[in-house]
Structures are given as structure tokens and as C-alpha cells.
Amino acid sequence: MTITLDRPARRNAVTSRGWEVLRDLLRDVDPRRDRAVVITGAGGTFCAGADLAADGDGRSDLDNMRIVGEACLTLHRVPVPTIAAVDGAAVGAGMNLALACDFVIATDRAQFSQIFVKRALSVDFGGSWILPRLVGMHRAKELVLLGEFVPAARARELGLVREVVPHDRLAETAGALAAELSTGPQLALMQSKALLNDSFEISLERALDEEARAQALNLGSTDAKEAFAAFLEKRPADFTSAQNPTPNERQD
């Protein structure tokens, strides 16, 4: 599934209605059909954040921000792997939209900024939660409180970006990664993603218990049977046709 932010005249800045559309598209992700999600932007820009000049549809600022939060939380809960394909600017909520994905691929002309402070705003779209987890608290404060622009190469050094590629190879590289993830053992990928997402919120004891539950489900899957057969037959495993229960179908 590919989602393209397509308002190039506004550098793909997202209106209040746009956040609703993004939230609803992400809610519609179905693991039985969508094995990976790519989010990208049109016109040489990823996303300039929220469109502060747009009409808020008559809602209060707080209600509009709650919609932004719903879009962020829905992206975080997407069960399949997510990829941000970033060209040009990814600033403010646009940067945090990219970082909320599981993988970030950027072009060599991409730039990232927690630009909020330059607009007399505080960080949003989950940046206060995700940044310290990615780069540590001191580096997160540096990025947020200074709001400086970070080129793609530096973002990669900080661990924010997986790979930096020429701009004409962005779609190809993101597509190749999505294809690799799409042919992997879907149930195992989904469960590992969920375990990692929850890891900062639970105790080691709880994590071990959740790992045991997940592994028991994996071991009964057709993917695991295919992996074992492929190992014995000394061939690559083929998970693309495997049919497995999704984690929410298990009976605990």
C-alpha cells in the first residue's frame, strides 16, 4: 500500500482534513491484503508539516490537535511494516510522520527539522515520544529546542535514516524494501513489530511472557512449517502463499 501526500503547491503540508484522511487510510490497512505500507510525498518534497494557514473546519485548536494525535497513533498501530520514502523537506509534523514509520529512506537532498520552535510551537505528532527513543534525551532536546535543519547524511549518522540514495532511486529503493518485507513471514514480522513497540512500556517479565505467547503462535503457523521444510531441502523459503492466523485471532 502506498500513500502519497500530494499538495506540492503547499510543499505537501497537511490540513486538518488531511490528517483525518491519513488516519482513515491507515485504519484501512488490512494485513490480509497489505503486507507493507510506503508513505511518500509528491513534487520533490516529503511534508512541510501541518498547514497552519488552512481552515480548521470550525473546530477548536485542541480538537484539531487530537486528530493529529489520532493519525500518529494509528500509524504506530499499523500491524505491518511501514516505510517513509523522503525527498526534500521533512519538517515539523512531517519529520515526525517519517520517524513514526519503521524504516526511513531518504534522498541525498532530503532535509529534516523539528521546526516547531521557529514557529513558537512545541513538538507534536509524537515527536516528544519517538525522538528520545531514537537518539536519546540530550540529542532529542538539541533537535527540538534548536529546530535546526539536518541533512540526510547527518540524519543517517544519528540513526534516524536507514539509507540515503540519489533522488531518482528513491521509489526503486523503497519499493525493493517493501517487496522484501512483503515476501517475509508476515505473522512473525507483525508480532516482532508489536513486541518492539511495547518494549519501553512493560517489564522484562511481561516481555518474556508476550514473547512466549507470540512464539507459540508462530510455531503453529504455515510459515514456520515452510521455513523448516526449506531448511531441510536447502532452498529459500516461500512465505508469499502461506495462510496464517493474525495475532488478534489467537485465543488466549
Protein backbone atom coordinates (compact mmCIF):
# COMPACT_ATOMS: atom_id res chain seq x y z
CA MET A 1 0.00 0.00 0.00
CA THR A 2 1.42 3.40 -0.99
CA ILE A 3 0.15 6.68 0.48
CA THR A 4 1.30 9.83 -1.32
CA LEU A 5 0.97 13.29 0.21
CA ASP A 6 0.01 15.30 -2.88
CA ARG A 7 -0.19 19.05 -2.29
CA PRO A 8 3.07 20.16 -3.92
CA ALA A 9 1.96 23.81 -4.13
CA ARG A 10 1.95 23.79 -0.30
CA ARG A 11 5.01 21.51 -0.03
CA ASN A 12 2.63 18.73 0.98
CA ALA A 13 1.65 20.50 4.20
CA VAL A 14 -1.28 18.64 5.74
CA THR A 15 -4.59 20.32 6.56
CA SER A 16 -6.83 19.27 9.43
CA ARG A 17 -8.96 17.37 6.93
CA GLY A 18 -5.79 15.83 5.51
CA TRP A 19 -4.85 14.38 8.88
CA GLU A 20 -8.31 12.78 9.03
CA VAL A 21 -7.82 11.27 5.57
CA LEU A 22 -4.40 9.93 6.54
CA ARG A 23 -5.80 8.48 9.77
CA ASP A 24 -8.61 6.75 7.91
CA LEU A 25 -6.31 5.36 5.21
CA LEU A 26 -4.04 3.89 7.88
CA ARG A 27 -7.02 2.42 9.73
CA ASP A 28 -7.94 0.69 6.48
CA VAL A 29 -4.64 -1.23 6.29
CA ASP A 30 -5.57 -4.91 6.14
CA PRO A 31 -2.74 -7.44 6.72
CA ARG A 32 -4.58 -9.95 4.55
CA ARG A 33 -4.14 -7.57 1.62
CA ASP A 34 -1.45 -5.03 2.56
CA ARG A 35 1.87 -6.56 3.58
CA ALA A 36 3.79 -3.25 3.77
CA VAL A 37 2.95 0.46 3.67
CA VAL A 38 5.02 3.17 1.97
CA ILE A 39 4.39 6.85 2.77
CA THR A 40 5.91 9.42 0.42
CA GLY A 41 5.35 12.92 -0.95
CA ALA A 42 4.80 14.34 -4.42
CA GLY A 43 6.76 17.07 -6.18
CA GLY A 44 10.18 16.63 -4.58
CA THR A 45 9.04 17.26 -1.01
CA PHE A 46 8.02 14.82 1.69
CA CYS A 47 5.96 17.01 4.04
CA ALA A 48 6.22 20.55 5.40
CA GLY A 49 4.18 19.57 8.45
CA ALA A 50 0.76 20.94 9.30
CA ASP A 51 -0.73 23.62 7.07
CA LEU A 52 -1.09 26.41 9.61
CA ALA A 53 -2.80 28.66 7.06
CA ALA A 54 -5.58 26.19 6.31
CA ASP A 55 -9.13 26.39 7.62
CA GLY A 56 -9.63 24.20 10.68
CA ASP A 57 -13.19 23.26 9.68
CA GLY A 58 -14.56 25.28 12.58
CA ARG A 59 -13.02 23.02 15.21
CA SER A 60 -11.01 24.26 18.16
CA ASP A 61 -7.22 24.05 18.08
CA LEU A 62 -7.35 21.32 20.71
CA ASP A 63 -9.79 19.23 18.66
CA ASN A 64 -7.62 19.65 15.57
CA MET A 65 -4.55 18.53 17.52
CA ARG A 66 -6.42 15.49 18.74
CA ILE A 67 -6.96 14.50 15.11
CA VAL A 68 -3.21 14.87 14.52
CA GLY A 69 -2.67 12.62 17.52
CA GLU A 70 -5.13 10.05 16.18
CA ALA A 71 -3.24 9.93 12.87
CA CYS A 72 0.05 9.40 14.72
CA LEU A 73 -1.37 6.68 16.97
CA THR A 74 -2.98 4.91 14.01
CA LEU A 75 0.35 4.89 12.15
CA HIS A 76 2.07 3.49 15.24
CA ARG A 77 -0.53 0.71 15.42
CA VAL A 78 -0.34 -0.33 11.75
CA PRO A 79 0.44 -4.05 12.14
CA VAL A 80 2.59 -4.44 9.01
CA PRO A 81 5.98 -2.78 8.33
CA THR A 82 5.87 0.89 7.33
CA ILE A 83 8.39 2.80 5.21
CA ALA A 84 8.85 6.56 4.81
CA ALA A 85 10.34 7.49 1.43
CA VAL A 86 11.63 11.03 1.99
CA ASP A 87 12.70 13.50 -0.67
CA GLY A 88 13.24 17.19 0.03
CA ALA A 89 11.94 18.66 3.25
CA ALA A 90 10.50 16.66 6.13
CA VAL A 91 9.85 19.26 8.79
CA GLY A 92 7.75 19.60 11.91
CA ALA A 93 4.98 17.03 11.94
CA GLY A 94 6.32 15.89 8.56
CA MET A 95 9.61 14.83 10.15
CA ASN A 96 7.79 13.02 12.93
CA LEU A 97 5.48 11.37 10.39
CA ALA A 98 8.59 9.91 8.76
CA LEU A 99 10.17 8.88 12.06
CA ALA A 100 6.96 7.16 13.16
CA CYS A 101 7.48 4.68 10.31
CA ASP A 102 9.54 1.54 10.86
CA PHE A 103 12.06 2.46 8.15
CA VAL A 104 13.13 5.81 6.69
CA ILE A 105 14.80 6.02 3.29
CA ALA A 106 15.94 9.49 2.27
CA THR A 107 17.40 11.08 -0.82
CA ASP A 108 20.71 12.91 -0.74
CA ARG A 109 18.81 16.19 -0.99
CA ALA A 110 16.42 15.45 1.91
CA GLN A 111 16.47 17.65 5.00
CA PHE A 112 14.86 17.14 8.37
CA SER A 113 13.89 19.71 11.00
CA GLN A 114 11.88 19.88 14.21
CA ILE A 115 10.94 23.35 13.06
CA PHE A 116 8.25 23.91 15.68
CA VAL A 117 10.33 26.29 17.81
CA LYS A 118 10.80 28.60 14.80
CA ARG A 119 7.00 28.95 14.72
CA ALA A 120 6.66 29.42 18.50
CA LEU A 121 5.15 25.93 18.74
CA SER A 122 6.00 22.83 20.74
CA VAL A 123 6.75 19.42 19.26
CA ASP A 124 3.81 17.26 18.08
CA PHE A 125 2.89 14.18 16.01
CA GLY A 126 4.55 12.04 18.67
CA GLY A 127 7.96 13.69 18.44
CA SER A 128 8.27 14.03 22.22
CA TRP A 129 7.82 10.24 22.48
CA ILE A 130 9.73 8.91 19.47
CA LEU A 131 12.81 11.17 19.38
CA PRO A 132 14.24 10.28 22.84
CA ARG A 133 13.79 6.62 21.98
CA LEU A 134 15.67 7.02 18.71
CA VAL A 135 18.53 9.34 19.65
CA GLY A 136 18.49 9.76 23.45
CA MET A 137 17.17 12.64 25.52
CA HIS A 138 20.01 15.14 25.08
CA ARG A 139 20.10 14.76 21.29
CA ALA A 140 16.30 14.94 21.16
CA LYS A 141 16.38 18.23 23.08
CA GLU A 142 19.02 19.57 20.69
CA LEU A 143 16.87 18.74 17.66
CA VAL A 144 13.66 20.11 19.16
CA LEU A 145 14.85 23.19 21.05
CA LEU A 146 17.10 24.47 18.26
CA GLY A 147 14.95 23.42 15.31
CA GLU A 148 17.97 23.26 13.02
CA PHE A 149 17.89 21.62 9.61
CA VAL A 150 19.64 18.26 9.48
CA PRO A 151 20.81 16.97 6.07
CA ALA A 152 20.11 13.35 5.16
CA ALA A 153 23.68 12.19 5.69
CA ARG A 154 23.70 13.57 9.25
CA ALA A 155 20.27 12.10 9.92
CA ARG A 156 21.69 8.72 8.95
CA GLU A 157 24.62 9.19 11.34
CA LEU A 158 22.09 9.89 14.10
CA GLY A 159 20.24 6.68 13.34
CA LEU A 160 17.12 8.41 12.01
CA VAL A 161 17.54 7.19 8.44
CA ARG A 162 18.26 3.67 7.18
CA GLU A 163 19.68 4.60 3.78
CA VAL A 164 20.49 7.69 1.70
CA VAL A 165 20.07 7.36 -2.06
CA PRO A 166 20.06 9.62 -5.15
CA HIS A 167 16.63 11.21 -5.62
CA ASP A 168 15.99 9.28 -8.82
CA ARG A 169 16.40 5.98 -6.94
CA LEU A 170 14.06 6.72 -4.04
CA ALA A 171 10.98 4.95 -5.40
CA GLU A 172 13.05 1.98 -6.55
CA THR A 173 14.81 1.60 -3.19
CA ALA A 174 11.63 1.96 -1.15
CA GLY A 175 9.86 -0.46 -3.47
CA ALA A 176 12.63 -3.04 -3.12
CA LEU A 177 12.48 -2.83 0.67
CA ALA A 178 8.69 -3.10 0.63
CA ALA A 179 8.95 -6.15 -1.65
CA GLU A 180 11.48 -7.79 0.66
CA LEU A 181 9.24 -7.22 3.67
CA SER A 182 6.17 -8.37 1.74
CA THR A 183 7.72 -11.74 0.98
CA GLY A 184 8.79 -12.33 4.58
CA PRO A 185 6.97 -14.40 7.21
CA GLN A 186 4.10 -11.99 7.83
CA LEU A 187 2.89 -13.33 11.16
CA ALA A 188 6.40 -13.31 12.64
CA LEU A 189 7.07 -9.80 11.31
CA MET A 190 3.82 -8.45 12.72
CA GLN A 191 4.40 -10.00 16.13
CA SER A 192 8.02 -8.84 16.34
CA LYS A 193 6.95 -5.30 15.45
CA ALA A 194 4.28 -5.34 18.17
CA LEU A 195 6.73 -6.69 20.76
CA LEU A 196 9.29 -4.00 19.96
CA ASN A 197 6.66 -1.24 20.02
CA ASP A 198 5.57 -2.29 23.50
CA SER A 199 9.08 -2.86 24.88
CA PHE A 200 9.52 0.51 26.63
CA GLU A 201 6.17 0.27 28.37
CA ILE A 202 6.38 -3.15 30.03
CA SER A 203 8.63 -5.09 32.41
CA LEU A 204 11.10 -7.75 31.29
CA GLU A 205 8.85 -10.36 32.91
CA ARG A 206 5.89 -9.18 30.84
CA ALA A 207 8.03 -9.01 27.70
CA LEU A 208 9.18 -12.60 28.14
CA ASP A 209 5.59 -13.74 28.65
CA GLU A 210 4.48 -11.91 25.48
CA GLU A 211 7.42 -13.38 23.54
CA ALA A 212 6.38 -16.87 24.65
CA ARG A 213 2.79 -16.32 23.52
CA ALA A 214 3.93 -14.94 20.17
CA GLN A 215 6.41 -17.73 19.57
CA ALA A 216 3.84 -20.41 20.37
CA LEU A 217 1.58 -18.91 17.70
CA ASN A 218 4.46 -18.71 15.22
CA LEU A 219 5.40 -22.34 15.76
CA GLY A 220 1.92 -23.45 14.76
CA SER A 221 1.88 -21.34 11.59
CA THR A 222 2.25 -22.46 7.99
CA ASP A 223 5.17 -20.02 7.69
CA ALA A 224 7.14 -21.94 10.33
CA LYS A 225 6.38 -25.24 8.59
CA GLU A 226 7.55 -23.75 5.28
CA ALA A 227 10.73 -22.37 6.88
CA PHE A 228 11.55 -25.79 8.38
CA ALA A 229 10.89 -27.57 5.08
CA ALA A 230 13.04 -25.05 3.21
CA PHE A 231 15.86 -25.58 5.71
CA LEU A 232 15.76 -29.35 5.24
CA GLU A 233 15.54 -29.05 1.45
CA LYS A 234 18.29 -26.41 1.32
CA ARG A 235 16.18 -23.89 -0.62
CA PRO A 236 14.85 -20.38 0.03
CA ALA A 237 11.59 -20.30 1.94
CA ASP A 238 8.47 -19.14 0.11
CA PHE A 239 6.16 -17.32 2.52
CA THR A 240 4.10 -15.47 -0.10
CA SER A 241 1.31 -18.03 -0.27
CA ALA A 242 1.26 -19.01 3.39
CA GLN A 243 -2.01 -18.56 5.23
CA ASN A 244 -1.67 -17.77 8.92
CA PRO A 245 -3.91 -16.51 11.70
CA THR A 246 -3.33 -12.87 12.54
CA PRO A 247 -2.29 -12.10 16.16
CA ASN A 248 -5.72 -10.77 17.10
CA GLU A 249 -7.27 -14.09 16.09
CA ARG A 250 -5.41 -16.09 18.69
CA GLN A 251 -7.39 -17.49 21.59
CA ASP A 252 -5.80 -16.57 24.95
